[in-house]
Amino acid sequence: MMRVSKMTVYRLVHSGELPAVRVGRSFRVREDDANEYLKSSFYNAG
């Protein structure tokens, strides 16, 4: 969905920028949280 590597998502989760829940050995991110992160990270480049 975000088209980034697993490590990028892992870093975002551990830094607290992207909320997630740990299930076993993996992390689960709600779709709403991912969409909210994407909306907040856009900026005008030009």
C-alpha atoms as a PDB file:
ATOM      1  CA  MET A   1       0.000   0.000   0.000  1.00  0.00           C
ATOM      2  CA  MET A   2       2.735   2.483   0.940  1.00  0.00           C
ATOM      3  CA  ARG A   3       5.246   1.047  -1.546  1.00  0.00           C
ATOM      4  CA  VAL A   4       8.155   1.176   0.885  1.00  0.00           C
ATOM      5  CA  SER A   5      10.374  -1.544   2.300  1.00  0.00           C
ATOM      6  CA  LYS A   6       9.559  -3.526   5.434  1.00  0.00           C
ATOM      7  CA  MET A   7      12.429  -1.825   7.228  1.00  0.00           C
ATOM      8  CA  THR A   8      10.961   1.619   6.530  1.00  0.00           C
ATOM      9  CA  VAL A   9       7.648   0.575   8.075  1.00  0.00           C
ATOM     10  CA  TYR A  10       9.513  -1.043  10.976  1.00  0.00           C
ATOM     11  CA  ARG A  11      11.372   2.240  11.637  1.00  0.00           C
ATOM     12  CA  LEU A  12       8.140   4.268  11.464  1.00  0.00           C
ATOM     13  CA  VAL A  13       6.444   1.926  13.933  1.00  0.00           C
ATOM     14  CA  HIS A  14       9.353   1.960  16.376  1.00  0.00           C
ATOM     15  CA  SER A  15       9.731   5.738  16.230  1.00  0.00           C
ATOM     16  CA  GLY A  16       6.032   6.139  17.033  1.00  0.00           C
ATOM     17  CA  GLU A  17       5.159   7.893  13.773  1.00  0.00           C
ATOM     18  CA  LEU A  18       2.938   5.010  12.642  1.00  0.00           C
ATOM     19  CA  PRO A  19       0.700   3.329  15.241  1.00  0.00           C
ATOM     20  CA  ALA A  20       0.712  -0.466  15.128  1.00  0.00           C
ATOM     21  CA  VAL A  21      -0.176  -3.518  17.180  1.00  0.00           C
ATOM     22  CA  ARG A  22       2.163  -6.442  17.614  1.00  0.00           C
ATOM     23  CA  VAL A  23       0.626  -9.816  16.826  1.00  0.00           C
ATOM     24  CA  GLY A  24       3.069 -12.629  17.451  1.00  0.00           C
ATOM     25  CA  ARG A  25       6.266 -11.689  15.651  1.00  0.00           C
ATOM     26  CA  SER A  26       4.671  -9.249  13.195  1.00  0.00           C
ATOM     27  CA  PHE A  27       3.134  -5.793  13.381  1.00  0.00           C
ATOM     28  CA  ARG A  28      -0.337  -4.889  12.179  1.00  0.00           C
ATOM     29  CA  VAL A  29      -1.160  -1.361  11.028  1.00  0.00           C
ATOM     30  CA  ARG A  30      -4.769  -0.302  10.605  1.00  0.00           C
ATOM     31  CA  GLU A  31      -5.632   0.936   7.125  1.00  0.00           C
ATOM     32  CA  ASP A  32      -7.037   4.173   8.586  1.00  0.00           C
ATOM     33  CA  ASP A  33      -3.752   4.822  10.429  1.00  0.00           C
ATOM     34  CA  ALA A  34      -1.730   4.203   7.272  1.00  0.00           C
ATOM     35  CA  ASN A  35      -3.959   6.559   5.272  1.00  0.00           C
ATOM     36  CA  GLU A  36      -3.698   9.232   7.971  1.00  0.00           C
ATOM     37  CA  TYR A  37       0.101   8.919   7.997  1.00  0.00           C
ATOM     38  CA  LEU A  38       0.224   9.274   4.218  1.00  0.00           C
ATOM     39  CA  LYS A  39      -2.026  12.359   4.285  1.00  0.00           C
ATOM     40  CA  SER A  40       0.098  14.022   6.962  1.00  0.00           C
ATOM     41  CA  SER A  41       3.405  13.284   5.213  1.00  0.00           C
ATOM     42  CA  PHE A  42       2.601  15.003   1.894  1.00  0.00           C
ATOM     43  CA  TYR A  43       4.014  18.442   1.212  1.00  0.00           C
ATOM     44  CA  ASN A  44       4.280  20.780  -1.764  1.00  0.00           C
ATOM     45  CA  ALA A  45       7.571  20.332  -3.562  1.00  0.00           C
ATOM     46  CA  GLY A  46       7.088  23.086  -6.066  1.00  0.00           C
END
